[in-house]
């Protein structure tokens, strides 16, 4: 059986610092929560370093959740909506860089 979890319960910690714990728990697959201080999805160098750490620990990122820090792609105000869409796009690019395929988006 394959077992994976979301990193949301760990969002108050640097994700890299918890990879050994996840490995020891038998976690092989992750849905990553993008959040500054937990997982810096906008930093290419960080993404490359973290990707190596995932591989070292036998963990595969299969999905990523959209950011939840004020991101709402259904906003009526164009500036805020476009900003939100750009944040979701950054998340999609980070997911592709990590080899994942599923982006979880909640419009509204």
PDB file of N, CA and C in Angstrom:
ATOM      1  N   UNK A   1       0.836  -1.174   0.000  1.00  0.00           N
ATOM      2  CA  UNK A   1       0.000   0.000   0.000  1.00  0.00           C
ATOM      3  C   UNK A   1       0.886   1.245   0.000  1.00  0.00           C
ATOM      4  N   UNK A   2       0.512   2.231  -0.773  1.00  0.00           N
ATOM      5  CA  UNK A   2       1.213   3.513  -0.791  1.00  0.00           C
ATOM      6  C   UNK A   2       0.535   4.451   0.195  1.00  0.00           C
ATOM      7  N   UNK A   3       1.336   5.211   0.932  1.00  0.00           N
ATOM      8  CA  UNK A   3       0.774   6.103   1.933  1.00  0.00           C
ATOM      9  C   UNK A   3       1.386   7.484   1.797  1.00  0.00           C
ATOM     10  N   UNK A   4       0.531   8.481   1.740  1.00  0.00           N
ATOM     11  CA  UNK A   4       0.995   9.855   1.657  1.00  0.00           C
ATOM     12  C   UNK A   4       0.124  10.756   2.511  1.00  0.00           C
ATOM     13  N   UNK A   5       0.623  11.950   2.792  1.00  0.00           N
ATOM     14  CA  UNK A   5      -0.134  12.921   3.580  1.00  0.00           C
ATOM     15  C   UNK A   5       0.108  14.329   3.041  1.00  0.00           C
ATOM     16  N   UNK A   6      -0.726  15.236   3.516  1.00  0.00           N
ATOM     17  CA  UNK A   6      -0.514  16.654   3.272  1.00  0.00           C
ATOM     18  C   UNK A   6       0.452  17.179   4.326  1.00  0.00           C
ATOM     19  N   UNK A   7       1.198  18.206   3.972  1.00  0.00           N
ATOM     20  CA  UNK A   7       2.100  18.812   4.955  1.00  0.00           C
ATOM     21  C   UNK A   7       1.400  19.892   5.781  1.00  0.00           C
ATOM     22  N   UNK A   8       0.106  20.089   5.578  1.00  0.00           N
ATOM     23  CA  UNK A   8      -0.613  21.126   6.333  1.00  0.00           C
ATOM     24  C   UNK A   8      -0.465  20.992   7.847  1.00  0.00           C
ATOM     25  N   UNK A   9      -0.514  19.779   8.423  1.00  0.00           N
ATOM     26  CA  UNK A   9      -0.334  19.688   9.880  1.00  0.00           C
ATOM     27  C   UNK A   9       1.056  20.143  10.348  1.00  0.00           C
ATOM     28  N   UNK A  10       1.994  20.238   9.425  1.00  0.00           N
ATOM     29  CA  UNK A  10       3.363  20.642   9.759  1.00  0.00           C
ATOM     30  C   UNK A  10       3.672  22.070   9.316  1.00  0.00           C
ATOM     31  N   UNK A  11       2.657  22.832   8.929  1.00  0.00           N
ATOM     32  CA  UNK A  11       2.892  24.136   8.308  1.00  0.00           C
ATOM     33  C   UNK A  11       3.601  25.152   9.198  1.00  0.00           C
ATOM     34  N   UNK A  12       3.643  24.917  10.492  1.00  0.00           N
ATOM     35  CA  UNK A  12       4.344  25.841  11.385  1.00  0.00           C
ATOM     36  C   UNK A  12       5.827  25.512  11.528  1.00  0.00           C
ATOM     37  N   UNK A  13       6.297  24.526  10.764  1.00  0.00           N
ATOM     38  CA  UNK A  13       7.693  24.093  10.808  1.00  0.00           C
ATOM     39  C   UNK A  13       8.305  24.156   9.412  1.00  0.00           C
ATOM     40  N   UNK A  14       9.622  24.327   9.341  1.00  0.00           N
ATOM     41  CA  UNK A  14      10.323  24.191   8.066  1.00  0.00           C
ATOM     42  C   UNK A  14      10.137  22.751   7.598  1.00  0.00           C
ATOM     43  N   UNK A  15       9.595  22.556   6.423  1.00  0.00           N
ATOM     44  CA  UNK A  15       9.321  21.210   5.928  1.00  0.00           C
ATOM     45  C   UNK A  15      10.585  20.363   5.868  1.00  0.00           C
ATOM     46  N   UNK A  16      11.693  20.957   5.419  1.00  0.00           N
ATOM     47  CA  UNK A  16      12.944  20.187   5.320  1.00  0.00           C
ATOM     48  C   UNK A  16      13.349  19.583   6.662  1.00  0.00           C
ATOM     49  N   UNK A  17      13.023  20.254   7.751  1.00  0.00           N
ATOM     50  CA  UNK A  17      13.405  19.751   9.077  1.00  0.00           C
ATOM     51  C   UNK A  17      12.557  18.559   9.512  1.00  0.00           C
ATOM     52  N   UNK A  18      11.480  18.278   8.807  1.00  0.00           N
ATOM     53  CA  UNK A  18      10.575  17.185   9.181  1.00  0.00           C
ATOM     54  C   UNK A  18      10.650  15.991   8.232  1.00  0.00           C
ATOM     55  N   UNK A  19      11.515  16.051   7.229  1.00  0.00           N
ATOM     56  CA  UNK A  19      11.573  14.964   6.248  1.00  0.00           C
ATOM     57  C   UNK A  19      12.020  13.645   6.861  1.00  0.00           C
ATOM     58  N   UNK A  20      12.960  13.679   7.778  1.00  0.00           N
ATOM     59  CA  UNK A  20      13.398  12.441   8.436  1.00  0.00           C
ATOM     60  C   UNK A  20      12.244  11.823   9.215  1.00  0.00           C
ATOM     61  N   UNK A  21      11.488  12.642   9.916  1.00  0.00           N
ATOM     62  CA  UNK A  21      10.318  12.172  10.657  1.00  0.00           C
ATOM     63  C   UNK A  21       9.305  11.520   9.719  1.00  0.00           C
ATOM     64  N   UNK A  22       9.046  12.158   8.595  1.00  0.00           N
ATOM     65  CA  UNK A  22       8.102  11.607   7.622  1.00  0.00           C
ATOM     66  C   UNK A  22       8.600  10.275   7.072  1.00  0.00           C
ATOM     67  N   UNK A  23       9.883  10.212   6.772  1.00  0.00           N
ATOM     68  CA  UNK A  23      10.470   8.967   6.269  1.00  0.00           C
ATOM     69  C   UNK A  23      10.322   7.854   7.300  1.00  0.00           C
ATOM     70  N   UNK A  24      10.640   8.156   8.551  1.00  0.00           N
ATOM     71  CA  UNK A  24      10.537   7.160   9.619  1.00  0.00           C
ATOM     72  C   UNK A  24       9.100   6.689   9.825  1.00  0.00           C
ATOM     73  N   UNK A  25       8.135   7.553   9.518  1.00  0.00           N
ATOM     74  CA  UNK A  25       6.720   7.199   9.645  1.00  0.00           C
ATOM     75  C   UNK A  25       6.220   6.408   8.436  1.00  0.00           C
ATOM     76  N   UNK A  26       7.082   6.211   7.455  1.00  0.00           N
ATOM     77  CA  UNK A  26       6.704   5.442   6.276  1.00  0.00           C
ATOM     78  C   UNK A  26       5.990   6.242   5.201  1.00  0.00           C
ATOM     79  N   UNK A  27       6.079   7.562   5.282  1.00  0.00           N
ATOM     80  CA  UNK A  27       5.446   8.422   4.281  1.00  0.00           C
ATOM     81  C   UNK A  27       6.292   8.414   3.015  1.00  0.00           C
ATOM     82  N   UNK A  28       5.659   8.091   1.898  1.00  0.00           N
ATOM     83  CA  UNK A  28       6.354   8.055   0.612  1.00  0.00           C
ATOM     84  C   UNK A  28       5.892   9.152  -0.334  1.00  0.00           C
ATOM     85  N   UNK A  29       4.690   9.672  -0.099  1.00  0.00           N
ATOM     86  CA  UNK A  29       4.101  10.648  -1.011  1.00  0.00           C
ATOM     87  C   UNK A  29       3.572  11.838  -0.218  1.00  0.00           C
ATOM     88  N   UNK A  30       3.758  13.038  -0.788  1.00  0.00           N
ATOM     89  CA  UNK A  30       3.324  14.256  -0.111  1.00  0.00           C
ATOM     90  C   UNK A  30       2.478  15.145  -0.999  1.00  0.00           C
ATOM     91  N   UNK A  31       1.527  15.824  -0.338  1.00  0.00           N
ATOM     92  CA  UNK A  31       0.914  17.015  -0.899  1.00  0.00           C
ATOM     93  C   UNK A  31       1.498  18.165  -0.088  1.00  0.00           C
ATOM     94  N   UNK A  32       2.204  19.043  -0.743  1.00  0.00           N
ATOM     95  CA  UNK A  32       2.919  20.119  -0.061  1.00  0.00           C
ATOM     96  C   UNK A  32       2.036  21.353   0.061  1.00  0.00           C
ATOM     97  N   UNK A  33       2.089  21.961   1.231  1.00  0.00           N
ATOM     98  CA  UNK A  33       1.422  23.243   1.443  1.00  0.00           C
ATOM     99  C   UNK A  33       2.448  24.346   1.248  1.00  0.00           C
ATOM    100  N   UNK A  34       2.244  25.229   0.273  1.00  0.00           N
ATOM    101  CA  UNK A  34       3.177  26.334   0.067  1.00  0.00           C
ATOM    102  C   UNK A  34       2.905  27.449   1.074  1.00  0.00           C
ATOM    103  N   UNK A  35       3.874  27.698   1.902  1.00  0.00           N
ATOM    104  CA  UNK A  35       3.732  28.753   2.911  1.00  0.00           C
ATOM    105  C   UNK A  35       5.127  29.210   3.308  1.00  0.00           C
ATOM    106  N   UNK A  36       5.330  30.516   3.325  1.00  0.00           N
ATOM    107  CA  UNK A  36       6.632  31.051   3.715  1.00  0.00           C
ATOM    108  C   UNK A  36       6.988  30.563   5.116  1.00  0.00           C
ATOM    109  N   UNK A  37       8.212  30.095   5.256  1.00  0.00           N
ATOM    110  CA  UNK A  37       8.656  29.546   6.521  1.00  0.00           C
ATOM    111  C   UNK A  37       8.426  28.046   6.636  1.00  0.00           C
ATOM    112  N   UNK A  38       7.570  27.509   5.780  1.00  0.00           N
ATOM    113  CA  UNK A  38       7.306  26.065   5.743  1.00  0.00           C
ATOM    114  C   UNK A  38       7.876  25.485   4.454  1.00  0.00           C
ATOM    115  N   UNK A  39       7.455  26.055   3.346  1.00  0.00           N
ATOM    116  CA  UNK A  39       7.903  25.612   2.028  1.00  0.00           C
ATOM    117  C   UNK A  39       7.874  26.823   1.106  1.00  0.00           C
ATOM    118  N   UNK A  40       9.038  27.317   0.739  1.00  0.00           N
ATOM    119  CA  UNK A  40       9.165  28.554  -0.036  1.00  0.00           C
ATOM    120  C   UNK A  40       9.070  28.271  -1.535  1.00  0.00           C
ATOM    121  N   UNK A  41       7.869  28.236  -2.021  1.00  0.00           N
ATOM    122  CA  UNK A  41       7.574  27.830  -3.395  1.00  0.00           C
ATOM    123  C   UNK A  41       8.078  28.798  -4.458  1.00  0.00           C
ATOM    124  N   UNK A  42       8.447  29.991  -4.101  1.00  0.00           N
ATOM    125  CA  UNK A  42       8.854  31.015  -5.069  1.00  0.00           C
ATOM    126  C   UNK A  42      10.370  31.117  -5.240  1.00  0.00           C
ATOM    127  N   UNK A  43      11.136  30.282  -4.541  1.00  0.00           N
ATOM    128  CA  UNK A  43      12.595  30.373  -4.561  1.00  0.00           C
ATOM    129  C   UNK A  43      13.193  29.167  -5.293  1.00  0.00           C
ATOM    130  N   UNK A  44      13.650  29.345  -6.547  1.00  0.00           N
ATOM    131  CA  UNK A  44      14.170  28.215  -7.332  1.00  0.00           C
ATOM    132  C   UNK A  44      15.317  27.468  -6.654  1.00  0.00           C
ATOM    133  N   UNK A  45      16.231  28.187  -6.017  1.00  0.00           N
ATOM    134  CA  UNK A  45      17.349  27.528  -5.333  1.00  0.00           C
ATOM    135  C   UNK A  45      16.825  26.647  -4.198  1.00  0.00           C
ATOM    136  N   UNK A  46      15.908  27.177  -3.426  1.00  0.00           N
ATOM    137  CA  UNK A  46      15.293  26.405  -2.337  1.00  0.00           C
ATOM    138  C   UNK A  46      14.587  25.170  -2.891  1.00  0.00           C
ATOM    139  N   UNK A  47      13.863  25.332  -3.988  1.00  0.00           N
ATOM    140  CA  UNK A  47      13.151  24.200  -4.591  1.00  0.00           C
ATOM    141  C   UNK A  47      14.115  23.101  -5.011  1.00  0.00           C
ATOM    142  N   UNK A  48      15.221  23.478  -5.630  1.00  0.00           N
ATOM    143  CA  UNK A  48      16.202  22.479  -6.068  1.00  0.00           C
ATOM    144  C   UNK A  48      16.835  21.760  -4.877  1.00  0.00           C
ATOM    145  N   UNK A  49      17.176  22.510  -3.838  1.00  0.00           N
ATOM    146  CA  UNK A  49      17.760  21.900  -2.637  1.00  0.00           C
ATOM    147  C   UNK A  49      16.758  20.966  -1.957  1.00  0.00           C
ATOM    148  N   UNK A  50      15.521  21.417  -1.854  1.00  0.00           N
ATOM    149  CA  UNK A  50      14.491  20.614  -1.196  1.00  0.00           C
ATOM    150  C   UNK A  50      14.162  19.377  -2.011  1.00  0.00           C
ATOM    151  N   UNK A  51      14.173  19.499  -3.328  1.00  0.00           N
ATOM    152  CA  UNK A  51      13.939  18.342  -4.194  1.00  0.00           C
ATOM    153  C   UNK A  51      14.961  17.245  -3.914  1.00  0.00           C
ATOM    154  N   UNK A  52      16.216  17.634  -3.743  1.00  0.00           N
ATOM    155  CA  UNK A  52      17.266  16.657  -3.414  1.00  0.00           C
ATOM    156  C   UNK A  52      16.999  16.003  -2.061  1.00  0.00           C
ATOM    157  N   UNK A  53      16.525  16.785  -1.108  1.00  0.00           N
ATOM    158  CA  UNK A  53      16.212  16.247   0.220  1.00  0.00           C
ATOM    159  C   UNK A  53      15.043  15.263   0.156  1.00  0.00           C
ATOM    160  N   UNK A  54      14.036  15.595  -0.657  1.00  0.00           N
ATOM    161  CA  UNK A  54      12.920  14.657  -0.836  1.00  0.00           C
ATOM    162  C   UNK A  54      13.454  13.323  -1.357  1.00  0.00           C
ATOM    163  N   UNK A  55      14.270  13.395  -2.398  1.00  0.00           N
ATOM    164  CA  UNK A  55      14.815  12.171  -3.007  1.00  0.00           C
ATOM    165  C   UNK A  55      15.670  11.391  -2.016  1.00  0.00           C
ATOM    166  N   UNK A  56      16.483  12.094  -1.250  1.00  0.00           N
ATOM    167  CA  UNK A  56      17.335  11.438  -0.243  1.00  0.00           C
ATOM    168  C   UNK A  56      16.520  10.674   0.795  1.00  0.00           C
ATOM    169  N   UNK A  57      15.317  11.165   1.049  1.00  0.00           N
ATOM    170  CA  UNK A  57      14.451  10.547   2.052  1.00  0.00           C
ATOM    171  C   UNK A  57      13.403   9.617   1.444  1.00  0.00           C
ATOM    172  N   UNK A  58      13.484   9.399   0.129  1.00  0.00           N
ATOM    173  CA  UNK A  58      12.550   8.487  -0.524  1.00  0.00           C
ATOM    174  C   UNK A  58      11.120   8.994  -0.549  1.00  0.00           C
ATOM    175  N   UNK A  59      10.979  10.315  -0.616  1.00  0.00           N
ATOM    176  CA  UNK A  59       9.655  10.938  -0.613  1.00  0.00           C
ATOM    177  C   UNK A  59       9.411  11.612  -1.956  1.00  0.00           C
ATOM    178  N   UNK A  60       8.221  11.382  -2.491  1.00  0.00           N
ATOM    179  CA  UNK A  60       7.838  11.967  -3.778  1.00  0.00           C
ATOM    180  C   UNK A  60       6.717  12.982  -3.561  1.00  0.00           C
ATOM    181  N   UNK A  61       6.888  14.165  -4.115  1.00  0.00           N
ATOM    182  CA  UNK A  61       5.821  15.161  -4.083  1.00  0.00           C
ATOM    183  C   UNK A  61       4.885  14.853  -5.247  1.00  0.00           C
ATOM    184  N   UNK A  62       3.649  14.501  -4.932  1.00  0.00           N
ATOM    185  CA  UNK A  62       2.687  14.179  -5.984  1.00  0.00           C
ATOM    186  C   UNK A  62       1.716  15.322  -6.222  1.00  0.00           C
ATOM    187  N   UNK A  63       1.542  16.166  -5.197  1.00  0.00           N
ATOM    188  CA  UNK A  63       0.616  17.278  -5.364  1.00  0.00           C
ATOM    189  C   UNK A  63       1.030  18.450  -4.488  1.00  0.00           C
ATOM    190  N   UNK A  64       0.451  19.594  -4.816  1.00  0.00           N
ATOM    191  CA  UNK A  64       0.695  20.794  -4.032  1.00  0.00           C
ATOM    192  C   UNK A  64      -0.626  21.539  -3.919  1.00  0.00           C
ATOM    193  N   UNK A  65      -0.879  22.060  -2.739  1.00  0.00           N
ATOM    194  CA  UNK A  65      -2.082  22.856  -2.504  1.00  0.00           C
ATOM    195  C   UNK A  65      -1.795  24.287  -2.930  1.00  0.00           C
ATOM    196  N   UNK A  66      -2.809  24.981  -3.394  1.00  0.00           N
ATOM    197  CA  UNK A  66      -2.626  26.400  -3.695  1.00  0.00           C
ATOM    198  C   UNK A  66      -2.307  27.147  -2.406  1.00  0.00           C
ATOM    199  N   UNK A  67      -1.658  28.295  -2.507  1.00  0.00           N
ATOM    200  CA  UNK A  67      -1.405  29.084  -1.299  1.00  0.00           C
ATOM    201  C   UNK A  67      -2.728  29.501  -0.653  1.00  0.00           C
ATOM    202  N   UNK A  68      -2.713  29.644   0.649  1.00  0.00           N
ATOM    203  CA  UNK A  68      -3.942  30.036   1.351  1.00  0.00           C
ATOM    204  C   UNK A  68      -3.797  31.373   2.073  1.00  0.00           C
ATOM    205  N   UNK A  69      -2.670  32.023   1.930  1.00  0.00           N
ATOM    206  CA  UNK A  69      -2.424  33.299   2.623  1.00  0.00           C
ATOM    207  C   UNK A  69      -3.017  34.479   1.849  1.00  0.00           C
ATOM    208  N   UNK A  70      -4.328  34.591   1.829  1.00  0.00           N
ATOM    209  CA  UNK A  70      -4.987  35.696   1.150  1.00  0.00           C
ATOM    210  C   UNK A  70      -5.227  35.479  -0.328  1.00  0.00           C
ATOM    211  N   UNK A  71      -4.911  34.299  -0.832  1.00  0.00           N
ATOM    212  CA  UNK A  71      -5.102  33.999  -2.251  1.00  0.00           C
ATOM    213  C   UNK A  71      -6.551  33.586  -2.489  1.00  0.00           C
ATOM    214  N   UNK A  72      -7.211  34.274  -3.419  1.00  0.00           N
ATOM    215  CA  UNK A  72      -8.598  33.955  -3.782  1.00  0.00           C
ATOM    216  C   UNK A  72      -8.790  34.349  -5.243  1.00  0.00           C
ATOM    217  N   UNK A  73      -8.806  33.356  -6.121  1.00  0.00           N
ATOM    218  CA  UNK A  73      -8.881  33.642  -7.556  1.00  0.00           C
ATOM    219  C   UNK A  73     -10.276  34.064  -8.012  1.00  0.00           C
ATOM    220  N   UNK A  74     -11.242  34.101  -7.092  1.00  0.00           N
ATOM    221  CA  UNK A  74     -12.595  34.522  -7.463  1.00  0.00           C
ATOM    222  C   UNK A  74     -12.893  35.965  -7.063  1.00  0.00           C
ATOM    223  N   UNK A  75     -11.904  36.692  -6.591  1.00  0.00           N
ATOM    224  CA  UNK A  75     -12.132  38.070  -6.153  1.00  0.00           C
ATOM    225  C   UNK A  75     -12.623  38.950  -7.299  1.00  0.00           C
ATOM    226  N   UNK A  76     -13.497  39.865  -6.987  1.00  0.00           N
ATOM    227  CA  UNK A  76     -14.044  40.775  -8.000  1.00  0.00           C
ATOM    228  C   UNK A  76     -13.023  41.854  -8.365  1.00  0.00           C
ATOM    229  N   UNK A  77     -12.302  42.369  -7.383  1.00  0.00           N
ATOM    230  CA  UNK A  77     -11.292  43.401  -7.623  1.00  0.00           C
ATOM    231  C   UNK A  77     -10.180  42.821  -8.492  1.00  0.00           C
ATOM    232  N   UNK A  78      -9.998  43.392  -9.680  1.00  0.00           N
ATOM    233  CA  UNK A  78      -9.074  42.820 -10.657  1.00  0.00           C
ATOM    234  C   UNK A  78      -7.641  42.701 -10.140  1.00  0.00           C
ATOM    235  N   UNK A  79      -7.121  43.737  -9.498  1.00  0.00           N
ATOM    236  CA  UNK A  79      -5.742  43.687  -9.018  1.00  0.00           C
ATOM    237  C   UNK A  79      -5.542  42.510  -8.073  1.00  0.00           C
ATOM    238  N   UNK A  80      -6.444  42.343  -7.116  1.00  0.00           N
ATOM    239  CA  UNK A  80      -6.330  41.261  -6.133  1.00  0.00           C
ATOM    240  C   UNK A  80      -6.504  39.892  -6.783  1.00  0.00           C
ATOM    241  N   UNK A  81      -7.423  39.804  -7.739  1.00  0.00           N
ATOM    242  CA  UNK A  81      -7.643  38.536  -8.441  1.00  0.00           C
ATOM    243  C   UNK A  81      -6.411  38.154  -9.261  1.00  0.00           C
ATOM    244  N   UNK A  82      -5.845  39.106  -9.990  1.00  0.00           N
ATOM    245  CA  UNK A  82      -4.653  38.837 -10.801  1.00  0.00           C
ATOM    246  C   UNK A  82      -3.482  38.451  -9.899  1.00  0.00           C
ATOM    247  N   UNK A  83      -3.315  39.139  -8.765  1.00  0.00           N
ATOM    248  CA  UNK A  83      -2.261  38.770  -7.814  1.00  0.00           C
ATOM    249  C   UNK A  83      -2.454  37.328  -7.354  1.00  0.00           C
ATOM    250  N   UNK A  84      -3.695  36.965  -7.051  1.00  0.00           N
ATOM    251  CA  UNK A  84      -3.998  35.601  -6.603  1.00  0.00           C
ATOM    252  C   UNK A  84      -3.680  34.579  -7.684  1.00  0.00           C
ATOM    253  N   UNK A  85      -4.047  34.890  -8.906  1.00  0.00           N
ATOM    254  CA  UNK A  85      -3.762  33.974 -10.019  1.00  0.00           C
ATOM    255  C   UNK A  85      -2.255  33.800 -10.182  1.00  0.00           C
ATOM    256  N   UNK A  86      -1.501  34.873 -10.053  1.00  0.00           N
ATOM    257  CA  UNK A  86      -0.036  34.792 -10.165  1.00  0.00           C
ATOM    258  C   UNK A  86       0.549  33.904  -9.059  1.00  0.00           C
ATOM    259  N   UNK A  87       0.003  33.983  -7.863  1.00  0.00           N
ATOM    260  CA  UNK A  87       0.482  33.131  -6.768  1.00  0.00           C
ATOM    261  C   UNK A  87       0.197  31.659  -7.064  1.00  0.00           C
ATOM    262  N   UNK A  88      -0.968  31.378  -7.633  1.00  0.00           N
ATOM    263  CA  UNK A  88      -1.294  29.998  -8.013  1.00  0.00           C
ATOM    264  C   UNK A  88      -0.354  29.540  -9.134  1.00  0.00           C
ATOM    265  N   UNK A  89      -0.057  30.428 -10.078  1.00  0.00           N
ATOM    266  CA  UNK A  89       0.893  30.087 -11.149  1.00  0.00           C
ATOM    267  C   UNK A  89       2.275  29.766 -10.579  1.00  0.00           C
ATOM    268  N   UNK A  90       2.741  30.550  -9.612  1.00  0.00           N
ATOM    269  CA  UNK A  90       4.042  30.269  -8.983  1.00  0.00           C
ATOM    270  C   UNK A  90       4.030  28.892  -8.329  1.00  0.00           C
ATOM    271  N   UNK A  91       2.908  28.552  -7.720  1.00  0.00           N
ATOM    272  CA  UNK A  91       2.768  27.241  -7.089  1.00  0.00           C
ATOM    273  C   UNK A  91       2.843  26.140  -8.137  1.00  0.00           C
ATOM    274  N   UNK A  92       2.173  26.345  -9.268  1.00  0.00           N
ATOM    275  CA  UNK A  92       2.200  25.349 -10.348  1.00  0.00           C
ATOM    276  C   UNK A  92       3.622  25.153 -10.865  1.00  0.00           C
ATOM    277  N   UNK A  93       4.357  26.235 -11.021  1.00  0.00           N
ATOM    278  CA  UNK A  93       5.744  26.128 -11.489  1.00  0.00           C
ATOM    279  C   UNK A  93       6.617  25.386 -10.480  1.00  0.00           C
ATOM    280  N   UNK A  94       6.402  25.650  -9.200  1.00  0.00           N
ATOM    281  CA  UNK A  94       7.154  24.937  -8.158  1.00  0.00           C
ATOM    282  C   UNK A  94       6.834  23.450  -8.201  1.00  0.00           C
ATOM    283  N   UNK A  95       5.567  23.122  -8.368  1.00  0.00           N
ATOM    284  CA  UNK A  95       5.148  21.720  -8.439  1.00  0.00           C
ATOM    285  C   UNK A  95       5.815  21.018  -9.617  1.00  0.00           C
ATOM    286  N   UNK A  96       5.827  21.658 -10.767  1.00  0.00           N
ATOM    287  CA  UNK A  96       6.488  21.071 -11.938  1.00  0.00           C
ATOM    288  C   UNK A  96       7.979  20.870 -11.686  1.00  0.00           C
ATOM    289  N   UNK A  97       8.598  21.812 -11.030  1.00  0.00           N
ATOM    290  CA  UNK A  97      10.038  21.715 -10.737  1.00  0.00           C
ATOM    291  C   UNK A  97      10.346  20.521  -9.831  1.00  0.00           C
ATOM    292  N   UNK A  98       9.366  20.149  -8.990  1.00  0.00           N
ATOM    293  CA  UNK A  98       9.534  19.016  -8.078  1.00  0.00           C
ATOM    294  C   UNK A  98       9.070  17.695  -8.683  1.00  0.00           C
ATOM    295  N   UNK A  99       8.489  17.757  -9.887  1.00  0.00           N
ATOM    296  CA  UNK A  99       8.047  16.537 -10.549  1.00  0.00           C
ATOM    297  C   UNK A  99       6.637  16.108 -10.205  1.00  0.00           C
ATOM    298  N   UNK A 100       5.906  16.928  -9.475  1.00  0.00           N
ATOM    299  CA  UNK A 100       4.520  16.608  -9.129  1.00  0.00           C
ATOM    300  C   UNK A 100       3.577  16.899 -10.279  1.00  0.00           C
ATOM    301  N   UNK A 101       2.357  16.385 -10.158  1.00  0.00           N
ATOM    302  CA  UNK A 101       1.408  16.516 -11.266  1.00  0.00           C
ATOM    303  C   UNK A 101       0.049  17.081 -10.879  1.00  0.00           C
ATOM    304  N   UNK A 102      -0.278  17.144  -9.600  1.00  0.00           N
ATOM    305  CA  UNK A 102      -1.625  17.542  -9.191  1.00  0.00           C
ATOM    306  C   UNK A 102      -1.547  18.842  -8.401  1.00  0.00           C
ATOM    307  N   UNK A 103      -2.247  19.867  -8.880  1.00  0.00           N
ATOM    308  CA  UNK A 103      -2.333  21.141  -8.178  1.00  0.00           C
ATOM    309  C   UNK A 103      -3.752  21.276  -7.634  1.00  0.00           C
ATOM    310  N   UNK A 104      -3.877  21.399  -6.326  1.00  0.00           N
ATOM    311  CA  UNK A 104      -5.182  21.521  -5.680  1.00  0.00           C
ATOM    312  C   UNK A 104      -5.542  23.001  -5.604  1.00  0.00           C
ATOM    313  N   UNK A 105      -6.664  23.372  -6.241  1.00  0.00           N
ATOM    314  CA  UNK A 105      -7.108  24.760  -6.284  1.00  0.00           C
ATOM    315  C   UNK A 105      -8.561  24.822  -5.826  1.00  0.00           C
ATOM    316  N   UNK A 106      -8.857  25.775  -4.952  1.00  0.00           N
ATOM    317  CA  UNK A 106     -10.225  26.028  -4.496  1.00  0.00           C
ATOM    318  C   UNK A 106     -10.610  27.428  -4.965  1.00  0.00           C
ATOM    319  N   UNK A 107     -11.364  27.541  -6.048  1.00  0.00           N
ATOM    320  CA  UNK A 107     -11.776  28.876  -6.481  1.00  0.00           C
ATOM    321  C   UNK A 107     -12.881  29.400  -5.568  1.00  0.00           C
ATOM    322  N   UNK A 108     -12.595  30.504  -4.922  1.00  0.00           N
ATOM    323  CA  UNK A 108     -13.598  31.117  -4.057  1.00  0.00           C
ATOM    324  C   UNK A 108     -13.454  30.782  -2.615  1.00  0.00           C
TER     325      UNK A 108
END
